């Protein structure tokens, strides 16, 4: 285990703090893109939607989530928002592994810590649905960097969440992202979020896909 590995309580706190940093970072990137219409694919319990909803830049915000329980939490979180209601925001129970023709040609789609919940045999369906059919102008995707896991006190092969189907190292993530971009007419820039370790990289890795006109 890495000398700087966290204890279990510190690990959970560190991951929670990282998630807040990640959401703020993603919001800044979406703002900077100039987007007016935004998709949150795999929106979960609505923490990013809670931030997006109050931004006057956005004319339309859609959250897509396959888990009904998470979607219920998202609806409640938004219903309790002191600046609501938000008529420009919609929640949809559905999956980005399946065709969503009504969600085609949005300015930006964000996928925050969601791809790792997808079974590997469905990644080609994700690619076809999101990049081939929805075709947002920008896709901004975040996922754990497996190499950083020892700093959270995790053992080899142990995931950050029990529901994760995989967690990629930087080389594997880069290979996948560049392949998706090449096959679907996007360019991609890889990056990271959080305190970077000189050997293990950042805790969160990112891919910023932009469509080639």
N, C-alpha and C. Protein backbone atom coordinates (compact mmCIF):
# COMPACT_ATOMS: atom_id res chain seq x y z
N UNK A 1 0.84 -1.20 0.00
CA UNK A 1 0.00 0.00 0.00
C UNK A 1 0.88 1.25 0.00
N UNK A 2 0.47 2.27 -0.70
CA UNK A 2 1.22 3.52 -0.79
C UNK A 2 1.38 4.15 0.59
N UNK A 3 2.55 4.76 0.84
CA UNK A 3 2.84 5.34 2.15
C UNK A 3 1.80 6.38 2.58
N UNK A 4 1.20 7.07 1.61
CA UNK A 4 0.25 8.14 1.92
C UNK A 4 -1.20 7.68 1.88
N UNK A 5 -1.43 6.37 1.92
CA UNK A 5 -2.80 5.85 1.84
C UNK A 5 -3.63 6.31 3.03
N UNK A 6 -4.92 6.56 2.76
CA UNK A 6 -5.85 7.04 3.79
C UNK A 6 -6.41 5.87 4.61
N UNK A 7 -6.84 6.16 5.84
CA UNK A 7 -7.64 5.22 6.60
C UNK A 7 -9.04 5.17 5.99
N UNK A 8 -9.86 4.17 6.37
CA UNK A 8 -11.20 4.01 5.78
C UNK A 8 -12.07 5.25 5.95
N UNK A 9 -12.18 5.84 7.18
CA UNK A 9 -13.01 7.05 7.30
C UNK A 9 -12.46 8.21 6.48
N UNK A 10 -11.13 8.35 6.46
CA UNK A 10 -10.52 9.42 5.67
C UNK A 10 -10.77 9.21 4.19
N UNK A 11 -10.74 7.93 3.76
CA UNK A 11 -10.99 7.61 2.36
C UNK A 11 -12.38 8.10 1.95
N UNK A 12 -13.41 7.77 2.75
CA UNK A 12 -14.76 8.17 2.40
C UNK A 12 -14.90 9.69 2.38
N UNK A 13 -14.27 10.35 3.33
CA UNK A 13 -14.31 11.81 3.36
C UNK A 13 -13.59 12.38 2.14
N UNK A 14 -12.44 11.79 1.81
CA UNK A 14 -11.69 12.26 0.65
C UNK A 14 -12.46 12.11 -0.64
N UNK A 15 -13.14 10.98 -0.81
CA UNK A 15 -13.93 10.74 -2.02
C UNK A 15 -15.11 11.70 -2.08
N UNK A 16 -15.73 11.99 -0.92
CA UNK A 16 -16.85 12.92 -0.88
C UNK A 16 -16.41 14.34 -1.24
N UNK A 17 -15.29 14.77 -0.69
CA UNK A 17 -14.76 16.10 -1.01
C UNK A 17 -14.40 16.17 -2.48
N UNK A 18 -13.78 15.11 -3.00
CA UNK A 18 -13.41 15.07 -4.42
C UNK A 18 -14.65 15.23 -5.29
N UNK A 19 -15.76 14.62 -4.90
CA UNK A 19 -16.97 14.70 -5.72
C UNK A 19 -17.48 16.14 -5.81
N UNK A 20 -17.42 16.89 -4.72
CA UNK A 20 -17.83 18.30 -4.76
C UNK A 20 -16.91 19.10 -5.67
N UNK A 21 -15.61 18.85 -5.56
CA UNK A 21 -14.63 19.51 -6.44
C UNK A 21 -14.93 19.17 -7.89
N UNK A 22 -15.23 17.92 -8.14
CA UNK A 22 -15.50 17.45 -9.50
C UNK A 22 -16.74 18.12 -10.08
N UNK A 23 -17.81 18.21 -9.30
CA UNK A 23 -19.04 18.83 -9.78
C UNK A 23 -18.83 20.30 -10.11
N UNK A 24 -18.10 21.01 -9.26
CA UNK A 24 -17.82 22.43 -9.53
C UNK A 24 -16.96 22.58 -10.78
N UNK A 25 -16.00 21.69 -10.94
CA UNK A 25 -15.14 21.72 -12.13
C UNK A 25 -15.96 21.50 -13.40
N UNK A 26 -16.83 20.49 -13.37
CA UNK A 26 -17.65 20.18 -14.55
C UNK A 26 -18.56 21.36 -14.88
N UNK A 27 -19.15 21.97 -13.87
CA UNK A 27 -20.01 23.13 -14.10
C UNK A 27 -19.23 24.25 -14.80
N UNK A 28 -18.01 24.49 -14.35
CA UNK A 28 -17.20 25.54 -14.99
C UNK A 28 -16.92 25.20 -16.45
N UNK A 29 -16.63 23.94 -16.74
CA UNK A 29 -16.34 23.55 -18.12
C UNK A 29 -17.58 23.68 -19.00
N UNK A 30 -18.75 23.34 -18.47
CA UNK A 30 -19.98 23.46 -19.25
C UNK A 30 -20.28 24.93 -19.50
N UNK A 31 -20.13 25.76 -18.50
CA UNK A 31 -20.30 27.21 -18.68
C UNK A 31 -19.38 27.73 -19.78
N UNK A 32 -18.11 27.35 -19.69
CA UNK A 32 -17.10 27.87 -20.62
C UNK A 32 -17.34 27.42 -22.05
N UNK A 33 -18.08 26.33 -22.23
CA UNK A 33 -18.36 25.84 -23.59
C UNK A 33 -19.34 26.74 -24.33
N UNK A 34 -20.04 27.61 -23.60
CA UNK A 34 -21.06 28.46 -24.21
C UNK A 34 -22.38 27.75 -24.45
N UNK A 35 -22.55 26.58 -23.87
CA UNK A 35 -23.75 25.76 -24.11
C UNK A 35 -25.02 26.47 -23.64
N UNK A 36 -26.11 26.24 -24.38
CA UNK A 36 -27.44 26.66 -23.96
C UNK A 36 -28.32 25.46 -23.59
N UNK A 37 -28.04 24.31 -24.22
CA UNK A 37 -28.84 23.11 -24.01
C UNK A 37 -27.92 22.00 -23.52
N UNK A 38 -28.23 21.45 -22.34
CA UNK A 38 -27.30 20.55 -21.64
C UNK A 38 -27.99 19.25 -21.27
N UNK A 39 -27.29 18.14 -21.51
CA UNK A 39 -27.72 16.82 -21.06
C UNK A 39 -26.83 16.37 -19.91
N UNK A 40 -27.45 15.84 -18.86
CA UNK A 40 -26.71 15.18 -17.79
C UNK A 40 -27.06 13.70 -17.89
N UNK A 41 -26.17 12.94 -18.50
CA UNK A 41 -26.41 11.52 -18.78
C UNK A 41 -25.94 10.69 -17.59
N UNK A 42 -26.87 9.96 -16.99
CA UNK A 42 -26.57 9.26 -15.75
C UNK A 42 -26.55 10.25 -14.60
N UNK A 43 -27.61 11.03 -14.48
CA UNK A 43 -27.64 12.18 -13.55
C UNK A 43 -27.73 11.77 -12.09
N UNK A 44 -28.01 10.48 -11.82
CA UNK A 44 -28.05 10.00 -10.43
C UNK A 44 -29.06 10.76 -9.60
N UNK A 45 -28.66 11.15 -8.39
CA UNK A 45 -29.58 11.81 -7.46
C UNK A 45 -29.64 13.32 -7.67
N UNK A 46 -29.04 13.83 -8.76
CA UNK A 46 -29.28 15.21 -9.17
C UNK A 46 -28.34 16.26 -8.62
N UNK A 47 -27.18 15.88 -8.11
CA UNK A 47 -26.28 16.87 -7.51
C UNK A 47 -25.75 17.87 -8.55
N UNK A 48 -25.44 17.41 -9.75
CA UNK A 48 -25.01 18.35 -10.79
C UNK A 48 -26.20 19.15 -11.31
N UNK A 49 -27.36 18.52 -11.47
CA UNK A 49 -28.55 19.24 -11.91
C UNK A 49 -28.90 20.36 -10.95
N UNK A 50 -28.66 20.14 -9.67
CA UNK A 50 -28.91 21.15 -8.64
C UNK A 50 -28.10 22.41 -8.92
N UNK A 51 -26.90 22.23 -9.47
CA UNK A 51 -26.05 23.36 -9.84
C UNK A 51 -26.47 23.95 -11.19
N UNK A 52 -26.73 23.09 -12.16
CA UNK A 52 -27.08 23.55 -13.50
C UNK A 52 -28.39 24.33 -13.53
N UNK A 53 -29.33 23.94 -12.68
CA UNK A 53 -30.69 24.49 -12.73
C UNK A 53 -30.73 26.00 -12.53
N UNK A 54 -29.82 26.55 -11.74
CA UNK A 54 -29.88 27.97 -11.39
C UNK A 54 -29.06 28.84 -12.33
N UNK A 55 -28.37 28.22 -13.31
CA UNK A 55 -27.53 28.98 -14.22
C UNK A 55 -28.39 29.57 -15.34
N UNK A 56 -28.42 30.88 -15.44
CA UNK A 56 -29.28 31.53 -16.44
C UNK A 56 -28.78 31.32 -17.86
N UNK A 57 -27.55 30.86 -18.02
CA UNK A 57 -26.99 30.59 -19.35
C UNK A 57 -27.76 29.48 -20.07
N UNK A 58 -28.35 28.56 -19.31
CA UNK A 58 -28.90 27.35 -19.90
C UNK A 58 -30.41 27.49 -20.13
N UNK A 59 -30.83 27.29 -21.38
CA UNK A 59 -32.24 27.35 -21.76
C UNK A 59 -32.95 26.02 -21.54
N UNK A 60 -32.21 24.93 -21.63
CA UNK A 60 -32.79 23.60 -21.49
C UNK A 60 -31.78 22.69 -20.82
N UNK A 61 -32.22 22.01 -19.76
CA UNK A 61 -31.38 21.05 -19.05
C UNK A 61 -32.18 19.76 -18.89
N UNK A 62 -31.58 18.64 -19.28
CA UNK A 62 -32.24 17.35 -19.19
C UNK A 62 -31.36 16.39 -18.41
N UNK A 63 -31.94 15.73 -17.41
CA UNK A 63 -31.26 14.67 -16.70
C UNK A 63 -31.82 13.33 -17.10
N UNK A 64 -30.95 12.42 -17.51
CA UNK A 64 -31.34 11.06 -17.92
C UNK A 64 -30.77 10.08 -16.89
N UNK A 65 -31.63 9.24 -16.35
CA UNK A 65 -31.18 8.31 -15.30
C UNK A 65 -31.97 7.02 -15.40
N UNK A 66 -31.26 5.89 -15.33
CA UNK A 66 -31.92 4.59 -15.47
C UNK A 66 -32.49 4.05 -14.16
N UNK A 67 -32.00 4.55 -13.03
CA UNK A 67 -32.44 4.04 -11.73
C UNK A 67 -33.62 4.86 -11.19
N UNK A 68 -34.81 4.29 -11.07
CA UNK A 68 -35.96 5.06 -10.58
C UNK A 68 -35.75 5.64 -9.19
N UNK A 69 -35.06 4.92 -8.32
CA UNK A 69 -34.84 5.42 -6.96
C UNK A 69 -33.96 6.68 -6.98
N UNK A 70 -32.91 6.66 -7.79
CA UNK A 70 -32.05 7.85 -7.90
C UNK A 70 -32.83 9.01 -8.51
N UNK A 71 -33.68 8.71 -9.48
CA UNK A 71 -34.46 9.77 -10.12
C UNK A 71 -35.44 10.40 -9.14
N UNK A 72 -36.02 9.60 -8.28
CA UNK A 72 -36.90 10.13 -7.23
C UNK A 72 -36.14 11.08 -6.31
N UNK A 73 -34.92 10.71 -5.95
CA UNK A 73 -34.09 11.58 -5.12
C UNK A 73 -33.78 12.89 -5.85
N UNK A 74 -33.51 12.80 -7.14
CA UNK A 74 -33.21 14.00 -7.93
C UNK A 74 -34.43 14.93 -7.97
N UNK A 75 -35.60 14.35 -8.19
CA UNK A 75 -36.82 15.17 -8.22
C UNK A 75 -37.04 15.88 -6.88
N UNK A 76 -36.81 15.15 -5.80
CA UNK A 76 -37.00 15.75 -4.48
C UNK A 76 -35.98 16.84 -4.20
N UNK A 77 -34.73 16.60 -4.59
CA UNK A 77 -33.68 17.60 -4.40
C UNK A 77 -34.01 18.89 -5.14
N UNK A 78 -34.51 18.75 -6.36
CA UNK A 78 -34.85 19.93 -7.16
C UNK A 78 -36.13 20.59 -6.64
N UNK A 79 -37.08 19.79 -6.17
CA UNK A 79 -38.32 20.35 -5.61
C UNK A 79 -38.04 21.17 -4.36
N UNK A 80 -37.01 20.79 -3.62
CA UNK A 80 -36.65 21.48 -2.38
C UNK A 80 -35.73 22.68 -2.61
N UNK A 81 -35.31 22.89 -3.85
CA UNK A 81 -34.37 23.97 -4.15
C UNK A 81 -35.04 25.31 -3.89
N UNK A 82 -34.41 26.19 -3.12
CA UNK A 82 -35.05 27.47 -2.78
C UNK A 82 -35.27 28.39 -3.97
N UNK A 83 -34.55 28.14 -5.09
CA UNK A 83 -34.71 28.99 -6.26
C UNK A 83 -35.64 28.38 -7.31
N UNK A 84 -36.23 27.24 -7.01
CA UNK A 84 -37.13 26.60 -7.96
C UNK A 84 -38.50 27.27 -7.98
N UNK A 85 -39.42 26.76 -8.82
CA UNK A 85 -39.27 25.61 -9.73
C UNK A 85 -38.48 25.98 -10.99
N UNK A 86 -38.13 24.95 -11.79
CA UNK A 86 -37.27 25.13 -12.96
C UNK A 86 -37.97 24.56 -14.19
N UNK A 87 -38.79 25.37 -14.87
CA UNK A 87 -39.54 24.85 -16.01
C UNK A 87 -38.66 24.42 -17.19
N UNK A 88 -37.41 24.89 -17.22
CA UNK A 88 -36.52 24.54 -18.33
C UNK A 88 -35.80 23.22 -18.08
N UNK A 89 -36.08 22.53 -16.97
CA UNK A 89 -35.37 21.31 -16.60
C UNK A 89 -36.32 20.12 -16.64
N UNK A 90 -35.87 19.03 -17.28
CA UNK A 90 -36.67 17.80 -17.36
C UNK A 90 -35.86 16.63 -16.86
N UNK A 91 -36.53 15.69 -16.23
CA UNK A 91 -35.92 14.44 -15.81
C UNK A 91 -36.57 13.30 -16.60
N UNK A 92 -35.74 12.39 -17.10
CA UNK A 92 -36.21 11.28 -17.93
C UNK A 92 -35.68 9.98 -17.35
N UNK A 93 -36.55 9.00 -17.18
CA UNK A 93 -36.14 7.67 -16.76
C UNK A 93 -35.76 6.88 -18.00
N UNK A 94 -34.48 6.69 -18.20
CA UNK A 94 -34.00 6.00 -19.39
C UNK A 94 -32.51 5.78 -19.31
N UNK A 95 -31.98 5.08 -20.30
CA UNK A 95 -30.57 4.69 -20.31
C UNK A 95 -29.86 5.25 -21.53
N UNK A 96 -28.62 5.66 -21.34
CA UNK A 96 -27.83 6.11 -22.50
C UNK A 96 -27.17 4.93 -23.22
N UNK A 97 -27.48 3.70 -22.81
CA UNK A 97 -27.07 2.55 -23.60
C UNK A 97 -28.09 2.22 -24.68
N UNK A 98 -29.21 2.94 -24.68
CA UNK A 98 -30.28 2.70 -25.64
C UNK A 98 -30.54 3.98 -26.44
N UNK A 99 -31.13 3.86 -27.64
CA UNK A 99 -31.41 5.05 -28.46
C UNK A 99 -32.31 6.04 -27.72
N UNK A 100 -31.95 7.32 -27.83
CA UNK A 100 -32.75 8.40 -27.24
C UNK A 100 -32.90 9.50 -28.32
N UNK A 101 -33.74 9.24 -29.33
CA UNK A 101 -33.82 10.17 -30.47
C UNK A 101 -34.25 11.57 -30.08
N UNK A 102 -34.99 11.73 -29.00
CA UNK A 102 -35.44 13.06 -28.58
C UNK A 102 -34.30 13.90 -28.01
N UNK A 103 -33.17 13.28 -27.73
CA UNK A 103 -32.04 13.99 -27.10
C UNK A 103 -30.91 14.25 -28.08
N UNK A 104 -31.23 14.29 -29.35
CA UNK A 104 -30.20 14.50 -30.37
C UNK A 104 -29.81 15.98 -30.47
N UNK A 105 -28.52 16.22 -30.76
CA UNK A 105 -28.00 17.54 -31.13
C UNK A 105 -28.04 18.57 -30.00
N UNK A 106 -27.86 18.15 -28.76
CA UNK A 106 -27.69 19.11 -27.68
C UNK A 106 -26.30 19.72 -27.74
N UNK A 107 -26.11 20.84 -27.08
CA UNK A 107 -24.81 21.51 -27.10
C UNK A 107 -23.76 20.71 -26.33
N UNK A 108 -24.11 20.26 -25.14
CA UNK A 108 -23.18 19.54 -24.28
C UNK A 108 -23.89 18.38 -23.59
N UNK A 109 -23.22 17.26 -23.51
CA UNK A 109 -23.63 16.16 -22.65
C UNK A 109 -22.52 15.92 -21.64
N UNK A 110 -22.88 15.82 -20.38
CA UNK A 110 -21.90 15.49 -19.35
C UNK A 110 -22.20 14.08 -18.83
N UNK A 111 -21.13 13.35 -18.55
CA UNK A 111 -21.22 12.00 -18.00
C UNK A 111 -20.26 11.94 -16.83
N UNK A 112 -20.78 12.21 -15.64
CA UNK A 112 -19.95 12.37 -14.45
C UNK A 112 -19.98 11.10 -13.61
N UNK A 113 -18.85 10.38 -13.58
CA UNK A 113 -18.72 9.18 -12.76
C UNK A 113 -19.88 8.21 -13.00
N UNK A 114 -20.12 7.93 -14.26
CA UNK A 114 -21.24 7.05 -14.60
C UNK A 114 -20.84 5.91 -15.52
N UNK A 115 -19.85 6.14 -16.41
CA UNK A 115 -19.49 5.11 -17.39
C UNK A 115 -19.00 3.84 -16.70
N UNK A 116 -18.37 3.99 -15.51
CA UNK A 116 -17.82 2.82 -14.81
C UNK A 116 -18.91 1.95 -14.18
N UNK A 117 -20.15 2.43 -14.21
CA UNK A 117 -21.28 1.63 -13.74
C UNK A 117 -21.88 0.77 -14.85
N UNK A 118 -21.36 0.91 -16.07
CA UNK A 118 -21.89 0.19 -17.23
C UNK A 118 -21.11 -1.11 -17.42
N UNK A 119 -21.82 -2.19 -17.69
CA UNK A 119 -21.14 -3.45 -17.97
C UNK A 119 -20.28 -3.31 -19.23
N UNK A 120 -19.04 -3.83 -19.19
CA UNK A 120 -18.14 -3.64 -20.34
C UNK A 120 -18.72 -4.06 -21.68
N UNK A 121 -19.58 -5.09 -21.68
CA UNK A 121 -20.14 -5.54 -22.95
C UNK A 121 -21.16 -4.55 -23.52
N UNK A 122 -21.52 -3.50 -22.75
CA UNK A 122 -22.45 -2.49 -23.24
C UNK A 122 -21.75 -1.20 -23.66
N UNK A 123 -20.42 -1.16 -23.58
CA UNK A 123 -19.71 0.07 -23.94
C UNK A 123 -19.89 0.43 -25.42
N UNK A 124 -19.99 -0.56 -26.27
CA UNK A 124 -20.21 -0.26 -27.69
C UNK A 124 -21.60 0.34 -27.89
N UNK A 125 -22.60 -0.09 -27.08
CA UNK A 125 -23.93 0.50 -27.16
C UNK A 125 -23.92 1.94 -26.67
N UNK A 126 -23.13 2.22 -25.61
CA UNK A 126 -22.97 3.60 -25.13
C UNK A 126 -22.39 4.47 -26.24
N UNK A 127 -21.36 3.97 -26.88
CA UNK A 127 -20.71 4.73 -27.96
C UNK A 127 -21.70 5.03 -29.08
N UNK A 128 -22.45 4.01 -29.49
CA UNK A 128 -23.40 4.20 -30.59
C UNK A 128 -24.50 5.18 -30.21
N UNK A 129 -25.02 5.06 -28.98
CA UNK A 129 -26.13 5.92 -28.55
C UNK A 129 -25.69 7.36 -28.35
N UNK A 130 -24.61 7.56 -27.58
CA UNK A 130 -24.21 8.92 -27.21
C UNK A 130 -23.50 9.63 -28.36
N UNK A 131 -22.48 8.98 -28.91
CA UNK A 131 -21.64 9.64 -29.91
C UNK A 131 -22.15 9.46 -31.34
N UNK A 132 -22.83 8.35 -31.59
CA UNK A 132 -23.32 8.09 -32.94
C UNK A 132 -24.70 8.65 -33.21
N UNK A 133 -25.61 8.61 -32.18
CA UNK A 133 -27.00 9.01 -32.39
C UNK A 133 -27.34 10.35 -31.74
N UNK A 134 -27.05 10.52 -30.46
CA UNK A 134 -27.34 11.82 -29.81
C UNK A 134 -26.47 12.92 -30.40
N UNK A 135 -25.18 12.65 -30.56
CA UNK A 135 -24.21 13.55 -31.19
C UNK A 135 -24.25 14.98 -30.61
N UNK A 136 -24.10 15.13 -29.30
CA UNK A 136 -23.93 16.49 -28.77
C UNK A 136 -22.65 17.11 -29.31
N UNK A 137 -22.63 18.42 -29.33
CA UNK A 137 -21.44 19.12 -29.84
C UNK A 137 -20.23 18.84 -28.97
N UNK A 138 -20.46 18.73 -27.66
CA UNK A 138 -19.39 18.43 -26.70
C UNK A 138 -19.88 17.32 -25.77
N UNK A 139 -19.00 16.39 -25.46
CA UNK A 139 -19.24 15.41 -24.39
C UNK A 139 -18.10 15.56 -23.39
N UNK A 140 -18.46 15.78 -22.13
CA UNK A 140 -17.44 15.89 -21.09
C UNK A 140 -17.66 14.76 -20.11
N UNK A 141 -16.67 13.88 -20.00
CA UNK A 141 -16.81 12.63 -19.26
C UNK A 141 -15.74 12.54 -18.18
N UNK A 142 -16.16 12.11 -16.98
CA UNK A 142 -15.21 11.87 -15.90
C UNK A 142 -15.36 10.44 -15.40
N UNK A 143 -14.24 9.88 -14.93
CA UNK A 143 -14.25 8.52 -14.41
C UNK A 143 -13.06 8.35 -13.47
N UNK A 144 -13.13 7.41 -12.52
CA UNK A 144 -12.00 7.23 -11.61
C UNK A 144 -10.71 6.82 -12.34
N UNK A 145 -9.60 7.27 -11.82
CA UNK A 145 -8.29 6.81 -12.25
C UNK A 145 -7.87 5.68 -11.32
N UNK A 146 -7.86 4.46 -11.81
CA UNK A 146 -7.57 3.30 -10.98
C UNK A 146 -6.19 3.38 -10.33
N UNK A 147 -5.25 4.00 -11.02
CA UNK A 147 -3.89 4.08 -10.50
C UNK A 147 -3.82 4.83 -9.17
N UNK A 148 -4.76 5.74 -8.94
CA UNK A 148 -4.76 6.57 -7.74
C UNK A 148 -5.36 5.84 -6.53
N UNK A 149 -6.01 4.72 -6.76
CA UNK A 149 -6.76 4.05 -5.70
C UNK A 149 -5.94 3.71 -4.45
N UNK A 150 -4.67 3.35 -4.57
CA UNK A 150 -3.90 3.08 -3.35
C UNK A 150 -3.85 4.27 -2.39
N UNK A 151 -3.95 5.49 -2.91
CA UNK A 151 -3.94 6.67 -2.04
C UNK A 151 -5.25 6.80 -1.26
N UNK A 152 -6.29 6.10 -1.70
CA UNK A 152 -7.54 6.03 -0.94
C UNK A 152 -7.56 4.81 -0.02
N UNK A 153 -6.44 4.10 0.07
CA UNK A 153 -6.36 2.93 0.93
C UNK A 153 -6.98 1.69 0.34
N UNK A 154 -7.20 1.66 -0.97
CA UNK A 154 -7.81 0.51 -1.63
C UNK A 154 -6.76 -0.50 -2.04
N UNK A 155 -7.12 -1.76 -2.00
CA UNK A 155 -6.22 -2.84 -2.38
C UNK A 155 -6.33 -3.10 -3.88
N UNK A 156 -5.33 -3.73 -4.49
CA UNK A 156 -5.40 -4.06 -5.92
C UNK A 156 -6.69 -4.79 -6.26
N UNK A 157 -7.37 -4.32 -7.28
CA UNK A 157 -8.63 -4.93 -7.71
C UNK A 157 -9.85 -4.44 -6.97
N UNK A 158 -9.67 -3.62 -5.93
CA UNK A 158 -10.79 -3.09 -5.16
C UNK A 158 -11.27 -1.78 -5.79
N UNK A 159 -12.57 -1.63 -5.97
CA UNK A 159 -13.15 -0.45 -6.60
C UNK A 159 -13.60 0.57 -5.56
N UNK A 160 -13.78 1.80 -5.99
CA UNK A 160 -14.22 2.87 -5.09
C UNK A 160 -15.68 2.71 -4.66
N UNK A 161 -16.49 2.09 -5.52
CA UNK A 161 -17.87 1.81 -5.17
C UNK A 161 -18.19 0.37 -5.57
N UNK A 162 -19.04 -0.27 -4.79
CA UNK A 162 -19.36 -1.67 -5.02
C UNK A 162 -20.03 -1.90 -6.37
N UNK A 163 -20.75 -0.89 -6.89
CA UNK A 163 -21.49 -1.05 -8.13
C UNK A 163 -20.63 -0.81 -9.37
N UNK A 164 -19.38 -0.39 -9.20
CA UNK A 164 -18.53 -0.19 -10.37
C UNK A 164 -18.25 -1.52 -11.06
N UNK A 165 -18.37 -1.50 -12.38
CA UNK A 165 -18.10 -2.70 -13.16
C UNK A 165 -16.63 -2.76 -13.60
N UNK A 166 -15.97 -1.62 -13.62
CA UNK A 166 -14.56 -1.53 -13.96
C UNK A 166 -14.06 -0.17 -13.50
N UNK A 167 -12.77 -0.02 -13.41
CA UNK A 167 -12.11 1.28 -13.23
C UNK A 167 -10.84 1.23 -14.05
N UNK A 168 -10.66 2.22 -14.92
CA UNK A 168 -9.57 2.20 -15.88
C UNK A 168 -8.34 2.94 -15.37
N UNK A 169 -7.17 2.46 -15.76
CA UNK A 169 -5.97 3.27 -15.59
C UNK A 169 -5.92 4.29 -16.73
N UNK A 170 -4.94 5.17 -16.67
CA UNK A 170 -4.90 6.26 -17.65
C UNK A 170 -4.67 5.76 -19.08
N UNK A 171 -3.84 4.72 -19.23
CA UNK A 171 -3.56 4.21 -20.57
C UNK A 171 -4.82 3.60 -21.19
N UNK A 172 -5.54 2.81 -20.41
CA UNK A 172 -6.74 2.15 -20.95
C UNK A 172 -7.83 3.18 -21.25
N UNK A 173 -8.00 4.17 -20.37
CA UNK A 173 -8.99 5.20 -20.61
C UNK A 173 -8.65 5.99 -21.87
N UNK A 174 -7.38 6.34 -22.02
CA UNK A 174 -6.96 7.08 -23.21
C UNK A 174 -7.19 6.29 -24.48
N UNK A 175 -6.91 4.99 -24.43
CA UNK A 175 -7.14 4.14 -25.59
C UNK A 175 -8.62 4.13 -25.98
N UNK A 176 -9.47 3.97 -24.99
CA UNK A 176 -10.92 3.96 -25.26
C UNK A 176 -11.38 5.31 -25.80
N UNK A 177 -10.98 6.40 -25.15
CA UNK A 177 -11.45 7.73 -25.54
C UNK A 177 -11.00 8.09 -26.95
N UNK A 178 -9.75 7.82 -27.28
CA UNK A 178 -9.26 8.14 -28.62
C UNK A 178 -9.94 7.27 -29.68
N UNK A 179 -10.24 6.03 -29.34
CA UNK A 179 -10.96 5.17 -30.27
C UNK A 179 -12.37 5.68 -30.54
N UNK A 180 -13.07 6.06 -29.49
CA UNK A 180 -14.42 6.62 -29.64
C UNK A 180 -14.39 7.88 -30.49
N UNK A 181 -13.45 8.77 -30.20
CA UNK A 181 -13.36 10.02 -30.96
C UNK A 181 -13.09 9.75 -32.43
N UNK A 182 -12.15 8.88 -32.71
CA UNK A 182 -11.77 8.58 -34.10
C UNK A 182 -12.92 7.97 -34.88
N UNK A 183 -13.64 7.06 -34.24
CA UNK A 183 -14.71 6.36 -34.95
C UNK A 183 -15.95 7.21 -35.18
N UNK A 184 -16.12 8.30 -34.41
CA UNK A 184 -17.38 9.04 -34.45
C UNK A 184 -17.24 10.51 -34.85
N UNK A 185 -16.06 10.91 -35.30
CA UNK A 185 -15.90 12.27 -35.79
C UNK A 185 -15.77 13.32 -34.70
N UNK A 186 -15.11 12.96 -33.61
CA UNK A 186 -14.82 13.89 -32.53
C UNK A 186 -13.31 14.02 -32.36
N UNK A 187 -12.89 15.10 -31.77
CA UNK A 187 -11.54 15.20 -31.22
C UNK A 187 -11.66 15.10 -29.70
N UNK A 188 -10.60 14.69 -29.05
CA UNK A 188 -10.67 14.51 -27.60
C UNK A 188 -9.40 15.01 -26.94
N UNK A 189 -9.58 15.64 -25.78
CA UNK A 189 -8.47 16.10 -24.95
C UNK A 189 -8.65 15.46 -23.58
N UNK A 190 -7.61 14.77 -23.11
CA UNK A 190 -7.66 14.11 -21.81
C UNK A 190 -7.13 15.04 -20.73
N UNK A 191 -7.66 14.87 -19.52
CA UNK A 191 -7.22 15.71 -18.40
C UNK A 191 -7.52 15.04 -17.08
N UNK A 192 -7.56 15.84 -16.02
CA UNK A 192 -7.81 15.28 -14.70
C UNK A 192 -8.36 16.32 -13.75
N UNK A 193 -8.90 15.83 -12.65
CA UNK A 193 -9.48 16.67 -11.60
C UNK A 193 -8.93 16.19 -10.26
N UNK A 194 -8.58 17.12 -9.39
CA UNK A 194 -8.10 16.78 -8.06
C UNK A 194 -6.60 16.87 -7.96
N UNK A 195 -6.10 16.67 -6.74
CA UNK A 195 -4.66 16.76 -6.49
C UNK A 195 -3.93 15.64 -7.20
N UNK A 196 -2.99 16.03 -8.05
CA UNK A 196 -2.28 15.05 -8.88
C UNK A 196 -1.07 14.50 -8.15
N UNK A 197 -0.95 13.19 -8.15
CA UNK A 197 0.24 12.53 -7.63
C UNK A 197 1.26 12.44 -8.76
N UNK A 198 2.54 12.71 -8.49
CA UNK A 198 3.54 12.72 -9.57
C UNK A 198 3.69 11.39 -10.28
N UNK A 199 3.38 10.29 -9.61
CA UNK A 199 3.50 8.97 -10.23
C UNK A 199 2.14 8.40 -10.65
N UNK A 200 1.14 8.60 -9.82
CA UNK A 200 -0.15 7.93 -10.02
C UNK A 200 -1.18 8.77 -10.77
N UNK A 201 -0.89 10.07 -10.96
CA UNK A 201 -1.80 10.93 -11.68
C UNK A 201 -2.90 11.49 -10.80
N UNK A 202 -3.96 12.04 -11.41
CA UNK A 202 -5.06 12.63 -10.64
C UNK A 202 -6.05 11.57 -10.20
N UNK A 203 -6.85 11.84 -9.16
CA UNK A 203 -7.85 10.87 -8.73
C UNK A 203 -8.97 10.67 -9.74
N UNK A 204 -9.31 11.72 -10.46
CA UNK A 204 -10.35 11.65 -11.49
C UNK A 204 -9.73 11.96 -12.83
N UNK A 205 -10.03 11.16 -13.82
CA UNK A 205 -9.56 11.46 -15.18
C UNK A 205 -10.74 11.91 -16.03
N UNK A 206 -10.44 12.75 -17.00
CA UNK A 206 -11.49 13.38 -17.81
C UNK A 206 -11.19 13.24 -19.30
N UNK A 207 -12.25 13.29 -20.08
CA UNK A 207 -12.13 13.36 -21.53
C UNK A 207 -13.11 14.41 -22.03
N UNK A 208 -12.59 15.38 -22.77
CA UNK A 208 -13.40 16.45 -23.35
C UNK A 208 -13.47 16.19 -24.85
N UNK A 209 -14.62 15.67 -25.30
CA UNK A 209 -14.84 15.38 -26.71
C UNK A 209 -15.53 16.57 -27.37
N UNK A 210 -15.05 16.99 -28.52
CA UNK A 210 -15.73 18.05 -29.29
C UNK A 210 -15.87 17.58 -30.73
N UNK A 211 -17.04 17.81 -31.27
CA UNK A 211 -17.36 17.28 -32.59
C UNK A 211 -16.55 18.02 -33.67
N UNK A 212 -16.10 17.27 -34.66
CA UNK A 212 -15.34 17.85 -35.77
C UNK A 212 -16.34 18.26 -36.84
N UNK A 213 -16.43 19.56 -37.09
CA UNK A 213 -17.39 20.08 -38.08
C UNK A 213 -16.96 19.77 -39.51
